[in-house]
């Protein structure tokens, strides 16, 4: 090896060494990038978190519309799914809210409305994979799945279930929505669901999200129904942050939407989407002096946020746990 000219830039030996060094450097960079972005606790890319969420049966929406819940009262005619409710945004512009549940005639009930730009129909169902992909531009909470035999007017609305849930495994007309590499995967490829053949047609509907535009909007009355909002439209966001997506994944993936440990409560608060709860340094969760009691506190959180947060957490606490808002 002593006869080889290592230092001469014109020599083949020098060229080979430079090539090997470059390849080694690139491989090191690629490996480091891949390792860092393969785990929820270290990745800095939202796309990686969405992929990890898909593998963990956790649904994360990159953007999401505002919603409001209120009392709907119908007259002699029913209210069909995806009916339009006109509204006015805080900037004075017009926008729309849609219902995803039908309401029978002469009914008084609670209804949730979702803000959005329009209702879209998808017929790209793949009978081989028993699924289809929807773009991330739709609000995943508004997705509904319909099946109808060919040459028949009978349409069946299938039941949506959480892939990680086990309470509805006996429903053979069930579907789920999960994250995919480039959009939401809507699928009935579940152990208990029946297989759909080409003897039936599949239609999937959803509302296209308009992000935060619907927050604090004022909903106009329709002429055929009465809707009285019990909550101000809220919860819409244009792009979820990487930390928020991480907290949602960590909370839903490990605790299955339930708070057991102190850390579960912290992750739940950080993933709540309630304004003022996205900074971990402002959150305090600790055991109270009484057994089974936990104190929750978020610095600078207003009274409305406090009420919303406690309602949100009480629905995720296990039985027998008492939550109080105090420092």
C-alpha atoms as a PDB file:
ATOM      1  CA  UNK A   1       0.000   0.000   0.000  1.00  0.00           C
ATOM      2  CA  UNK A   2       2.998   2.268   0.379  1.00  0.00           C
ATOM      3  CA  UNK A   3       3.242   2.659  -3.407  1.00  0.00           C
ATOM      4  CA  UNK A   4      -0.260   4.097  -3.738  1.00  0.00           C
ATOM      5  CA  UNK A   5      -0.546   7.840  -4.239  1.00  0.00           C
ATOM      6  CA  UNK A   6      -3.090   8.868  -1.603  1.00  0.00           C
ATOM      7  CA  UNK A   7      -2.420  12.595  -1.624  1.00  0.00           C
ATOM      8  CA  UNK A   8      -2.494  13.259  -5.371  1.00  0.00           C
ATOM      9  CA  UNK A   9      -6.007  14.509  -6.324  1.00  0.00           C
ATOM     10  CA  UNK A  10      -5.463  13.076  -9.811  1.00  0.00           C
ATOM     11  CA  UNK A  11      -4.825   9.532  -8.598  1.00  0.00           C
ATOM     12  CA  UNK A  12      -7.446   6.769  -8.673  1.00  0.00           C
ATOM     13  CA  UNK A  13      -6.655   5.899  -5.065  1.00  0.00           C
ATOM     14  CA  UNK A  14      -7.415   9.423  -3.900  1.00  0.00           C
ATOM     15  CA  UNK A  15     -10.662   9.437  -5.922  1.00  0.00           C
ATOM     16  CA  UNK A  16     -11.761   6.095  -4.441  1.00  0.00           C
ATOM     17  CA  UNK A  17     -11.116   7.253  -0.878  1.00  0.00           C
ATOM     18  CA  UNK A  18     -13.091  10.453  -1.457  1.00  0.00           C
ATOM     19  CA  UNK A  19     -16.006   8.477  -2.911  1.00  0.00           C
ATOM     20  CA  UNK A  20     -16.070   6.057   0.041  1.00  0.00           C
ATOM     21  CA  UNK A  21     -15.878   8.908   2.529  1.00  0.00           C
ATOM     22  CA  UNK A  22     -18.740  10.735   0.797  1.00  0.00           C
ATOM     23  CA  UNK A  23     -20.934   7.633   0.723  1.00  0.00           C
ATOM     24  CA  UNK A  24     -20.225   6.997   4.400  1.00  0.00           C
ATOM     25  CA  UNK A  25     -21.156  10.572   5.285  1.00  0.00           C
ATOM     26  CA  UNK A  26     -24.392  10.448   3.307  1.00  0.00           C
ATOM     27  CA  UNK A  27     -25.359   7.103   4.830  1.00  0.00           C
ATOM     28  CA  UNK A  28     -24.709   8.525   8.287  1.00  0.00           C
ATOM     29  CA  UNK A  29     -26.926  11.520   7.609  1.00  0.00           C
ATOM     30  CA  UNK A  30     -29.699   9.364   6.125  1.00  0.00           C
ATOM     31  CA  UNK A  31     -29.541   6.904   9.004  1.00  0.00           C
ATOM     32  CA  UNK A  32     -29.635   9.647  11.610  1.00  0.00           C
ATOM     33  CA  UNK A  33     -32.551  11.335   9.844  1.00  0.00           C
ATOM     34  CA  UNK A  34     -34.413   8.047   9.560  1.00  0.00           C
ATOM     35  CA  UNK A  35     -33.858   7.018  13.169  1.00  0.00           C
ATOM     36  CA  UNK A  36     -34.842  10.422  14.551  1.00  0.00           C
ATOM     37  CA  UNK A  37     -38.048  10.546  12.522  1.00  0.00           C
ATOM     38  CA  UNK A  38     -39.090   6.962  13.182  1.00  0.00           C
ATOM     39  CA  UNK A  39     -40.162   7.633  16.774  1.00  0.00           C
ATOM     40  CA  UNK A  40     -42.866   9.928  18.111  1.00  0.00           C
ATOM     41  CA  UNK A  41     -40.710  11.304  20.913  1.00  0.00           C
ATOM     42  CA  UNK A  42     -37.906  12.494  18.600  1.00  0.00           C
ATOM     43  CA  UNK A  43     -39.376  13.247  15.172  1.00  0.00           C
ATOM     44  CA  UNK A  44     -39.647  16.830  13.985  1.00  0.00           C
ATOM     45  CA  UNK A  45     -41.859  16.094  10.975  1.00  0.00           C
ATOM     46  CA  UNK A  46     -45.658  16.106  11.030  1.00  0.00           C
ATOM     47  CA  UNK A  47     -45.749  13.591   8.164  1.00  0.00           C
ATOM     48  CA  UNK A  48     -43.735  11.131  10.258  1.00  0.00           C
ATOM     49  CA  UNK A  49     -46.126  11.528  13.189  1.00  0.00           C
ATOM     50  CA  UNK A  50     -49.078  10.838  10.889  1.00  0.00           C
ATOM     51  CA  UNK A  51     -47.381   7.652   9.717  1.00  0.00           C
ATOM     52  CA  UNK A  52     -46.628   6.543  13.275  1.00  0.00           C
ATOM     53  CA  UNK A  53     -50.237   7.326  14.194  1.00  0.00           C
ATOM     54  CA  UNK A  54     -51.452   5.037  11.399  1.00  0.00           C
ATOM     55  CA  UNK A  55     -49.374   2.170  12.780  1.00  0.00           C
ATOM     56  CA  UNK A  56     -50.697   2.869  16.296  1.00  0.00           C
ATOM     57  CA  UNK A  57     -54.390   2.994  15.286  1.00  0.00           C
ATOM     58  CA  UNK A  58     -54.547   6.629  16.384  1.00  0.00           C
ATOM     59  CA  UNK A  59     -56.317   9.265  14.275  1.00  0.00           C
ATOM     60  CA  UNK A  60     -54.662  12.689  14.028  1.00  0.00           C
ATOM     61  CA  UNK A  61     -56.186  15.434  11.867  1.00  0.00           C
ATOM     62  CA  UNK A  62     -53.570  17.773  10.297  1.00  0.00           C
ATOM     63  CA  UNK A  63     -56.257  20.479  10.162  1.00  0.00           C
ATOM     64  CA  UNK A  64     -59.745  20.582  11.619  1.00  0.00           C
ATOM     65  CA  UNK A  65     -62.906  22.676  11.350  1.00  0.00           C
ATOM     66  CA  UNK A  66     -64.794  24.437  14.109  1.00  0.00           C
ATOM     67  CA  UNK A  67     -67.825  22.709  15.645  1.00  0.00           C
ATOM     68  CA  UNK A  68     -70.786  23.755  17.706  1.00  0.00           C
ATOM     69  CA  UNK A  69     -73.392  21.752  19.588  1.00  0.00           C
ATOM     70  CA  UNK A  70     -76.934  22.937  20.071  1.00  0.00           C
ATOM     71  CA  UNK A  71     -80.623  22.075  20.221  1.00  0.00           C
ATOM     72  CA  UNK A  72     -82.315  21.358  16.899  1.00  0.00           C
ATOM     73  CA  UNK A  73     -86.096  21.432  16.530  1.00  0.00           C
ATOM     74  CA  UNK A  74     -87.691  20.218  13.305  1.00  0.00           C
ATOM     75  CA  UNK A  75     -91.194  20.830  12.014  1.00  0.00           C
ATOM     76  CA  UNK A  76     -93.243  18.670   9.695  1.00  0.00           C
ATOM     77  CA  UNK A  77     -90.250  17.827   7.516  1.00  0.00           C
ATOM     78  CA  UNK A  78     -87.065  16.006   8.461  1.00  0.00           C
ATOM     79  CA  UNK A  79     -83.541  17.391   8.266  1.00  0.00           C
ATOM     80  CA  UNK A  80     -81.310  15.326   5.984  1.00  0.00           C
ATOM     81  CA  UNK A  81     -77.626  14.611   6.540  1.00  0.00           C
ATOM     82  CA  UNK A  82     -75.184  17.269   5.355  1.00  0.00           C
ATOM     83  CA  UNK A  83     -77.764  20.041   5.267  1.00  0.00           C
ATOM     84  CA  UNK A  84     -76.371  23.564   5.044  1.00  0.00           C
ATOM     85  CA  UNK A  85     -76.455  26.142   7.843  1.00  0.00           C
ATOM     86  CA  UNK A  86     -75.224  29.554   6.743  1.00  0.00           C
ATOM     87  CA  UNK A  87     -73.046  31.474   9.181  1.00  0.00           C
ATOM     88  CA  UNK A  88     -71.049  34.680   9.474  1.00  0.00           C
ATOM     89  CA  UNK A  89     -67.376  34.602  10.387  1.00  0.00           C
ATOM     90  CA  UNK A  90     -65.746  37.086  12.739  1.00  0.00           C
ATOM     91  CA  UNK A  91     -64.266  38.860   9.698  1.00  0.00           C
ATOM     92  CA  UNK A  92     -67.778  39.425   8.302  1.00  0.00           C
ATOM     93  CA  UNK A  93     -67.511  36.819   5.559  1.00  0.00           C
ATOM     94  CA  UNK A  94     -70.043  34.067   4.929  1.00  0.00           C
ATOM     95  CA  UNK A  95     -69.317  30.413   5.621  1.00  0.00           C
ATOM     96  CA  UNK A  96     -71.221  27.169   6.151  1.00  0.00           C
ATOM     97  CA  UNK A  97     -71.854  24.587   8.834  1.00  0.00           C
ATOM     98  CA  UNK A  98     -73.132  21.062   8.119  1.00  0.00           C
ATOM     99  CA  UNK A  99     -74.814  18.342  10.147  1.00  0.00           C
ATOM    100  CA  UNK A 100     -73.731  14.732   9.667  1.00  0.00           C
ATOM    101  CA  UNK A 101     -76.715  13.182  11.451  1.00  0.00           C
ATOM    102  CA  UNK A 102     -80.247  13.229  10.072  1.00  0.00           C
ATOM    103  CA  UNK A 103     -83.069  14.470  12.292  1.00  0.00           C
ATOM    104  CA  UNK A 104     -86.615  13.141  11.932  1.00  0.00           C
ATOM    105  CA  UNK A 105     -89.638  15.419  11.615  1.00  0.00           C
ATOM    106  CA  UNK A 106     -91.225  16.871  14.757  1.00  0.00           C
ATOM    107  CA  UNK A 107     -88.114  16.164  16.799  1.00  0.00           C
ATOM    108  CA  UNK A 108     -86.237  18.109  19.456  1.00  0.00           C
ATOM    109  CA  UNK A 109     -82.709  16.834  20.043  1.00  0.00           C
ATOM    110  CA  UNK A 110     -79.044  17.756  20.393  1.00  0.00           C
ATOM    111  CA  UNK A 111     -77.039  18.151  17.187  1.00  0.00           C
ATOM    112  CA  UNK A 112     -73.425  18.909  16.304  1.00  0.00           C
ATOM    113  CA  UNK A 113     -72.594  21.120  13.322  1.00  0.00           C
ATOM    114  CA  UNK A 114     -69.246  21.132  11.524  1.00  0.00           C
ATOM    115  CA  UNK A 115     -67.848  24.115   9.670  1.00  0.00           C
ATOM    116  CA  UNK A 116     -66.528  23.555   6.158  1.00  0.00           C
ATOM    117  CA  UNK A 117     -66.423  24.724   2.569  1.00  0.00           C
ATOM    118  CA  UNK A 118     -68.464  21.979   0.913  1.00  0.00           C
ATOM    119  CA  UNK A 119     -69.681  18.380   1.053  1.00  0.00           C
ATOM    120  CA  UNK A 120     -67.760  16.004  -1.225  1.00  0.00           C
ATOM    121  CA  UNK A 121     -68.624  12.497  -2.459  1.00  0.00           C
ATOM    122  CA  UNK A 122     -66.047   9.770  -3.062  1.00  0.00           C
ATOM    123  CA  UNK A 123     -66.556   6.625  -5.125  1.00  0.00           C
ATOM    124  CA  UNK A 124     -62.924   5.485  -5.333  1.00  0.00           C
ATOM    125  CA  UNK A 125     -63.539   2.423  -3.132  1.00  0.00           C
ATOM    126  CA  UNK A 126     -61.087  -0.431  -3.776  1.00  0.00           C
ATOM    127  CA  UNK A 127     -62.878  -3.792  -3.436  1.00  0.00           C
ATOM    128  CA  UNK A 128     -59.544  -5.603  -3.261  1.00  0.00           C
ATOM    129  CA  UNK A 129     -58.229  -3.760  -0.211  1.00  0.00           C
ATOM    130  CA  UNK A 130     -61.724  -2.999   1.148  1.00  0.00           C
ATOM    131  CA  UNK A 131     -60.753   0.635   1.577  1.00  0.00           C
ATOM    132  CA  UNK A 132     -60.285   3.985  -0.079  1.00  0.00           C
ATOM    133  CA  UNK A 133     -58.140   7.035   0.553  1.00  0.00           C
ATOM    134  CA  UNK A 134     -59.486  10.531   1.173  1.00  0.00           C
ATOM    135  CA  UNK A 135     -57.349  13.681   1.073  1.00  0.00           C
ATOM    136  CA  UNK A 136     -56.207  15.291   4.289  1.00  0.00           C
ATOM    137  CA  UNK A 137     -58.216  18.376   3.296  1.00  0.00           C
ATOM    138  CA  UNK A 138     -61.447  16.839   4.673  1.00  0.00           C
ATOM    139  CA  UNK A 139     -62.434  16.852   8.327  1.00  0.00           C
ATOM    140  CA  UNK A 140     -62.196  13.182   9.400  1.00  0.00           C
ATOM    141  CA  UNK A 141     -65.012  13.566  11.945  1.00  0.00           C
ATOM    142  CA  UNK A 142     -67.473  14.190   9.103  1.00  0.00           C
ATOM    143  CA  UNK A 143     -66.736  11.006   7.117  1.00  0.00           C
ATOM    144  CA  UNK A 144     -69.705   8.678   6.552  1.00  0.00           C
ATOM    145  CA  UNK A 145     -69.828   5.345   4.721  1.00  0.00           C
ATOM    146  CA  UNK A 146     -72.811   4.141   2.642  1.00  0.00           C
ATOM    147  CA  UNK A 147     -73.349   0.804   0.886  1.00  0.00           C
ATOM    148  CA  UNK A 148     -76.119  -0.082  -1.602  1.00  0.00           C
ATOM    149  CA  UNK A 149     -76.673  -3.269  -3.646  1.00  0.00           C
ATOM    150  CA  UNK A 150     -76.647  -2.754  -7.405  1.00  0.00           C
ATOM    151  CA  UNK A 151     -80.062  -2.025  -8.919  1.00  0.00           C
ATOM    152  CA  UNK A 152     -81.487  -1.331  -5.472  1.00  0.00           C
ATOM    153  CA  UNK A 153     -82.655   1.824  -3.754  1.00  0.00           C
ATOM    154  CA  UNK A 154     -81.809   0.430  -0.308  1.00  0.00           C
ATOM    155  CA  UNK A 155     -78.855   2.327   1.177  1.00  0.00           C
ATOM    156  CA  UNK A 156     -77.223   1.184   4.416  1.00  0.00           C
ATOM    157  CA  UNK A 157     -75.280   3.645   6.543  1.00  0.00           C
ATOM    158  CA  UNK A 158     -72.444   1.729   8.158  1.00  0.00           C
ATOM    159  CA  UNK A 159     -71.323   2.243  11.761  1.00  0.00           C
ATOM    160  CA  UNK A 160     -68.058   4.024  12.390  1.00  0.00           C
ATOM    161  CA  UNK A 161     -65.817   2.519  15.071  1.00  0.00           C
ATOM    162  CA  UNK A 162     -62.424   3.280  16.533  1.00  0.00           C
ATOM    163  CA  UNK A 163     -59.938   0.695  15.282  1.00  0.00           C
ATOM    164  CA  UNK A 164     -58.451   0.341  18.747  1.00  0.00           C
ATOM    165  CA  UNK A 165     -61.877  -0.102  20.417  1.00  0.00           C
ATOM    166  CA  UNK A 166     -63.318  -3.516  21.188  1.00  0.00           C
ATOM    167  CA  UNK A 167     -66.845  -2.607  22.261  1.00  0.00           C
ATOM    168  CA  UNK A 168     -68.378  -2.824  18.797  1.00  0.00           C
ATOM    169  CA  UNK A 169     -66.574  -5.815  17.343  1.00  0.00           C
ATOM    170  CA  UNK A 170     -69.855  -7.622  16.761  1.00  0.00           C
ATOM    171  CA  UNK A 171     -71.080  -5.086  14.214  1.00  0.00           C
ATOM    172  CA  UNK A 172     -70.561  -6.614  10.756  1.00  0.00           C
ATOM    173  CA  UNK A 173     -71.326  -3.308   8.999  1.00  0.00           C
ATOM    174  CA  UNK A 174     -68.573  -1.307  10.643  1.00  0.00           C
ATOM    175  CA  UNK A 175     -65.792   0.817   9.210  1.00  0.00           C
ATOM    176  CA  UNK A 176     -62.957   2.870  10.630  1.00  0.00           C
ATOM    177  CA  UNK A 177     -60.845   5.890   9.663  1.00  0.00           C
ATOM    178  CA  UNK A 178     -57.081   5.945  10.169  1.00  0.00           C
ATOM    179  CA  UNK A 179     -54.147   8.022   8.995  1.00  0.00           C
ATOM    180  CA  UNK A 180     -52.427   6.981   5.803  1.00  0.00           C
ATOM    181  CA  UNK A 181     -49.236   8.108   4.052  1.00  0.00           C
ATOM    182  CA  UNK A 182     -51.024  10.708   1.902  1.00  0.00           C
ATOM    183  CA  UNK A 183     -54.520  10.957   3.367  1.00  0.00           C
ATOM    184  CA  UNK A 184     -57.150   9.283   5.503  1.00  0.00           C
ATOM    185  CA  UNK A 185     -57.761   5.580   4.953  1.00  0.00           C
ATOM    186  CA  UNK A 186     -61.449   4.681   5.195  1.00  0.00           C
ATOM    187  CA  UNK A 187     -61.754   0.923   5.518  1.00  0.00           C
ATOM    188  CA  UNK A 188     -64.046  -1.898   6.547  1.00  0.00           C
ATOM    189  CA  UNK A 189     -61.105  -4.307   6.580  1.00  0.00           C
ATOM    190  CA  UNK A 190     -61.846  -5.294  10.174  1.00  0.00           C
ATOM    191  CA  UNK A 191     -62.051  -8.830  11.634  1.00  0.00           C
ATOM    192  CA  UNK A 192     -65.784  -8.574  12.333  1.00  0.00           C
ATOM    193  CA  UNK A 193     -66.905  -6.588   9.281  1.00  0.00           C
ATOM    194  CA  UNK A 194     -68.422  -8.196   6.230  1.00  0.00           C
ATOM    195  CA  UNK A 195     -66.614  -8.072   2.907  1.00  0.00           C
ATOM    196  CA  UNK A 196     -68.126  -5.794   0.274  1.00  0.00           C
ATOM    197  CA  UNK A 197     -68.278  -7.303  -3.206  1.00  0.00           C
ATOM    198  CA  UNK A 198     -68.702  -5.662  -6.586  1.00  0.00           C
ATOM    199  CA  UNK A 199     -72.408  -6.508  -6.318  1.00  0.00           C
ATOM    200  CA  UNK A 200     -72.696  -3.364  -4.182  1.00  0.00           C
ATOM    201  CA  UNK A 201     -71.692   0.242  -4.644  1.00  0.00           C
ATOM    202  CA  UNK A 202     -69.909   2.260  -1.956  1.00  0.00           C
ATOM    203  CA  UNK A 203     -70.286   5.993  -1.434  1.00  0.00           C
ATOM    204  CA  UNK A 204     -68.288   7.992   1.090  1.00  0.00           C
ATOM    205  CA  UNK A 205     -69.164  11.548   2.090  1.00  0.00           C
ATOM    206  CA  UNK A 206     -67.183  14.159   4.014  1.00  0.00           C
ATOM    207  CA  UNK A 207     -66.976  17.885   4.635  1.00  0.00           C
ATOM    208  CA  UNK A 208     -63.931  19.782   3.376  1.00  0.00           C
ATOM    209  CA  UNK A 209     -62.304  21.548   6.316  1.00  0.00           C
ATOM    210  CA  UNK A 210     -61.934  25.317   6.467  1.00  0.00           C
ATOM    211  CA  UNK A 211     -59.657  25.272   9.508  1.00  0.00           C
ATOM    212  CA  UNK A 212     -60.013  28.050  12.034  1.00  0.00           C
ATOM    213  CA  UNK A 213     -62.333  30.175   9.895  1.00  0.00           C
ATOM    214  CA  UNK A 214     -65.451  28.977  11.719  1.00  0.00           C
ATOM    215  CA  UNK A 215     -64.223  29.734  15.233  1.00  0.00           C
ATOM    216  CA  UNK A 216     -66.605  32.151  17.020  1.00  0.00           C
ATOM    217  CA  UNK A 217     -68.862  32.336  13.954  1.00  0.00           C
ATOM    218  CA  UNK A 218     -72.545  33.279  14.226  1.00  0.00           C
ATOM    219  CA  UNK A 219     -74.947  30.710  12.757  1.00  0.00           C
ATOM    220  CA  UNK A 220     -78.022  31.973  10.922  1.00  0.00           C
ATOM    221  CA  UNK A 221     -81.442  30.393  11.380  1.00  0.00           C
ATOM    222  CA  UNK A 222     -82.922  28.216   8.668  1.00  0.00           C
ATOM    223  CA  UNK A 223     -86.557  28.666   7.656  1.00  0.00           C
ATOM    224  CA  UNK A 224     -87.483  25.007   8.191  1.00  0.00           C
ATOM    225  CA  UNK A 225     -85.767  24.206  11.512  1.00  0.00           C
ATOM    226  CA  UNK A 226     -84.715  25.953  14.689  1.00  0.00           C
ATOM    227  CA  UNK A 227     -81.124  25.631  15.890  1.00  0.00           C
ATOM    228  CA  UNK A 228     -80.063  27.169  19.188  1.00  0.00           C
ATOM    229  CA  UNK A 229     -76.321  26.856  19.746  1.00  0.00           C
ATOM    230  CA  UNK A 230     -75.326  25.770  23.239  1.00  0.00           C
ATOM    231  CA  UNK A 231     -71.624  26.288  22.556  1.00  0.00           C
ATOM    232  CA  UNK A 232     -69.691  28.901  20.610  1.00  0.00           C
ATOM    233  CA  UNK A 233     -68.133  27.414  17.460  1.00  0.00           C
ATOM    234  CA  UNK A 234     -64.571  26.493  18.347  1.00  0.00           C
ATOM    235  CA  UNK A 235     -61.827  23.908  17.941  1.00  0.00           C
ATOM    236  CA  UNK A 236     -60.873  24.755  14.380  1.00  0.00           C
ATOM    237  CA  UNK A 237     -57.201  24.962  13.445  1.00  0.00           C
ATOM    238  CA  UNK A 238     -55.385  25.434  10.126  1.00  0.00           C
ATOM    239  CA  UNK A 239     -52.352  23.262  10.807  1.00  0.00           C
ATOM    240  CA  UNK A 240     -51.642  21.219  13.888  1.00  0.00           C
ATOM    241  CA  UNK A 241     -48.201  21.782  15.350  1.00  0.00           C
ATOM    242  CA  UNK A 242     -45.718  18.945  15.690  1.00  0.00           C
ATOM    243  CA  UNK A 243     -45.778  19.114  19.524  1.00  0.00           C
ATOM    244  CA  UNK A 244     -49.600  18.989  19.544  1.00  0.00           C
ATOM    245  CA  UNK A 245     -49.613  16.018  17.180  1.00  0.00           C
ATOM    246  CA  UNK A 246     -47.010  14.297  19.341  1.00  0.00           C
ATOM    247  CA  UNK A 247     -49.055  14.771  22.515  1.00  0.00           C
ATOM    248  CA  UNK A 248     -52.204  13.485  20.807  1.00  0.00           C
ATOM    249  CA  UNK A 249     -50.315  10.415  19.620  1.00  0.00           C
ATOM    250  CA  UNK A 250     -48.672   9.752  22.981  1.00  0.00           C
ATOM    251  CA  UNK A 251     -51.949  10.148  24.874  1.00  0.00           C
ATOM    252  CA  UNK A 252     -54.230   8.209  22.552  1.00  0.00           C
ATOM    253  CA  UNK A 253     -51.656   5.583  21.651  1.00  0.00           C
ATOM    254  CA  UNK A 254     -50.604   4.633  25.169  1.00  0.00           C
ATOM    255  CA  UNK A 255     -53.711   5.295  27.221  1.00  0.00           C
ATOM    256  CA  UNK A 256     -56.406   4.615  24.613  1.00  0.00           C
ATOM    257  CA  UNK A 257     -57.999   7.986  25.365  1.00  0.00           C
ATOM    258  CA  UNK A 258     -57.991   7.375  29.133  1.00  0.00           C
ATOM    259  CA  UNK A 259     -56.019   9.094  31.906  1.00  0.00           C
ATOM    260  CA  UNK A 260     -54.369   6.721  34.359  1.00  0.00           C
ATOM    261  CA  UNK A 261     -51.017   8.252  35.264  1.00  0.00           C
ATOM    262  CA  UNK A 262     -50.117  11.865  36.024  1.00  0.00           C
ATOM    263  CA  UNK A 263     -48.300  11.995  32.696  1.00  0.00           C
ATOM    264  CA  UNK A 264     -51.488  10.872  30.924  1.00  0.00           C
ATOM    265  CA  UNK A 265     -53.269  13.949  32.297  1.00  0.00           C
ATOM    266  CA  UNK A 266     -50.470  16.235  31.102  1.00  0.00           C
ATOM    267  CA  UNK A 267     -50.534  14.727  27.606  1.00  0.00           C
ATOM    268  CA  UNK A 268     -54.341  14.911  27.575  1.00  0.00           C
ATOM    269  CA  UNK A 269     -54.262  18.615  28.462  1.00  0.00           C
ATOM    270  CA  UNK A 270     -51.613  19.347  25.838  1.00  0.00           C
ATOM    271  CA  UNK A 271     -53.630  17.508  23.183  1.00  0.00           C
ATOM    272  CA  UNK A 272     -57.013  19.017  24.165  1.00  0.00           C
ATOM    273  CA  UNK A 273     -56.940  21.846  21.623  1.00  0.00           C
ATOM    274  CA  UNK A 274     -58.295  24.266  24.255  1.00  0.00           C
ATOM    275  CA  UNK A 275     -56.737  27.698  23.872  1.00  0.00           C
ATOM    276  CA  UNK A 276     -53.982  28.278  26.439  1.00  0.00           C
ATOM    277  CA  UNK A 277     -53.188  24.607  27.108  1.00  0.00           C
ATOM    278  CA  UNK A 278     -50.367  24.054  24.623  1.00  0.00           C
ATOM    279  CA  UNK A 279     -47.416  24.959  26.874  1.00  0.00           C
ATOM    280  CA  UNK A 280     -46.270  22.162  29.189  1.00  0.00           C
ATOM    281  CA  UNK A 281     -44.389  24.618  31.436  1.00  0.00           C
ATOM    282  CA  UNK A 282     -47.718  26.205  32.450  1.00  0.00           C
ATOM    283  CA  UNK A 283     -49.408  22.912  33.397  1.00  0.00           C
ATOM    284  CA  UNK A 284     -49.458  21.464  36.914  1.00  0.00           C
ATOM    285  CA  UNK A 285     -50.954  18.047  37.677  1.00  0.00           C
ATOM    286  CA  UNK A 286     -50.455  16.521  41.115  1.00  0.00           C
ATOM    287  CA  UNK A 287     -52.064  14.192  43.630  1.00  0.00           C
ATOM    288  CA  UNK A 288     -54.258  15.872  46.220  1.00  0.00           C
ATOM    289  CA  UNK A 289     -54.081  15.027  49.948  1.00  0.00           C
ATOM    290  CA  UNK A 290     -57.206  12.857  49.657  1.00  0.00           C
ATOM    291  CA  UNK A 291     -56.810   9.430  48.016  1.00  0.00           C
ATOM    292  CA  UNK A 292     -58.184   9.298  44.490  1.00  0.00           C
ATOM    293  CA  UNK A 293     -58.109  13.092  44.087  1.00  0.00           C
ATOM    294  CA  UNK A 294     -56.031  14.933  41.497  1.00  0.00           C
ATOM    295  CA  UNK A 295     -55.432  18.682  41.215  1.00  0.00           C
ATOM    296  CA  UNK A 296     -55.307  20.262  37.763  1.00  0.00           C
ATOM    297  CA  UNK A 297     -53.994  23.751  37.047  1.00  0.00           C
ATOM    298  CA  UNK A 298     -52.966  25.685  33.936  1.00  0.00           C
ATOM    299  CA  UNK A 299     -51.376  29.073  34.504  1.00  0.00           C
ATOM    300  CA  UNK A 300     -53.209  32.053  32.913  1.00  0.00           C
ATOM    301  CA  UNK A 301     -56.116  29.898  31.673  1.00  0.00           C
ATOM    302  CA  UNK A 302     -59.348  31.920  31.614  1.00  0.00           C
ATOM    303  CA  UNK A 303     -62.579  30.804  33.267  1.00  0.00           C
ATOM    304  CA  UNK A 304     -64.126  29.563  30.024  1.00  0.00           C
ATOM    305  CA  UNK A 305     -61.032  27.498  29.303  1.00  0.00           C
ATOM    306  CA  UNK A 306     -61.029  26.113  32.838  1.00  0.00           C
ATOM    307  CA  UNK A 307     -64.615  24.915  32.489  1.00  0.00           C
ATOM    308  CA  UNK A 308     -63.955  23.363  29.085  1.00  0.00           C
ATOM    309  CA  UNK A 309     -60.795  21.686  30.331  1.00  0.00           C
ATOM    310  CA  UNK A 310     -62.444  20.085  33.357  1.00  0.00           C
ATOM    311  CA  UNK A 311     -65.371  18.835  31.271  1.00  0.00           C
ATOM    312  CA  UNK A 312     -62.884  17.375  28.803  1.00  0.00           C
ATOM    313  CA  UNK A 313     -60.758  15.677  31.496  1.00  0.00           C
ATOM    314  CA  UNK A 314     -63.711  14.315  33.485  1.00  0.00           C
ATOM    315  CA  UNK A 315     -64.698  12.364  30.398  1.00  0.00           C
ATOM    316  CA  UNK A 316     -61.270  10.753  30.245  1.00  0.00           C
ATOM    317  CA  UNK A 317     -60.646   9.991  33.924  1.00  0.00           C
ATOM    318  CA  UNK A 318     -61.144   6.450  35.177  1.00  0.00           C
ATOM    319  CA  UNK A 319     -63.973   5.675  37.591  1.00  0.00           C
ATOM    320  CA  UNK A 320     -63.413   6.744  41.188  1.00  0.00           C
ATOM    321  CA  UNK A 321     -61.044   9.619  40.431  1.00  0.00           C
ATOM    322  CA  UNK A 322     -62.047  13.101  41.572  1.00  0.00           C
ATOM    323  CA  UNK A 323     -60.601  16.050  39.664  1.00  0.00           C
ATOM    324  CA  UNK A 324     -60.370  19.587  41.043  1.00  0.00           C
ATOM    325  CA  UNK A 325     -59.071  22.728  39.409  1.00  0.00           C
ATOM    326  CA  UNK A 326     -56.614  24.225  41.879  1.00  0.00           C
ATOM    327  CA  UNK A 327     -52.903  24.847  42.299  1.00  0.00           C
END
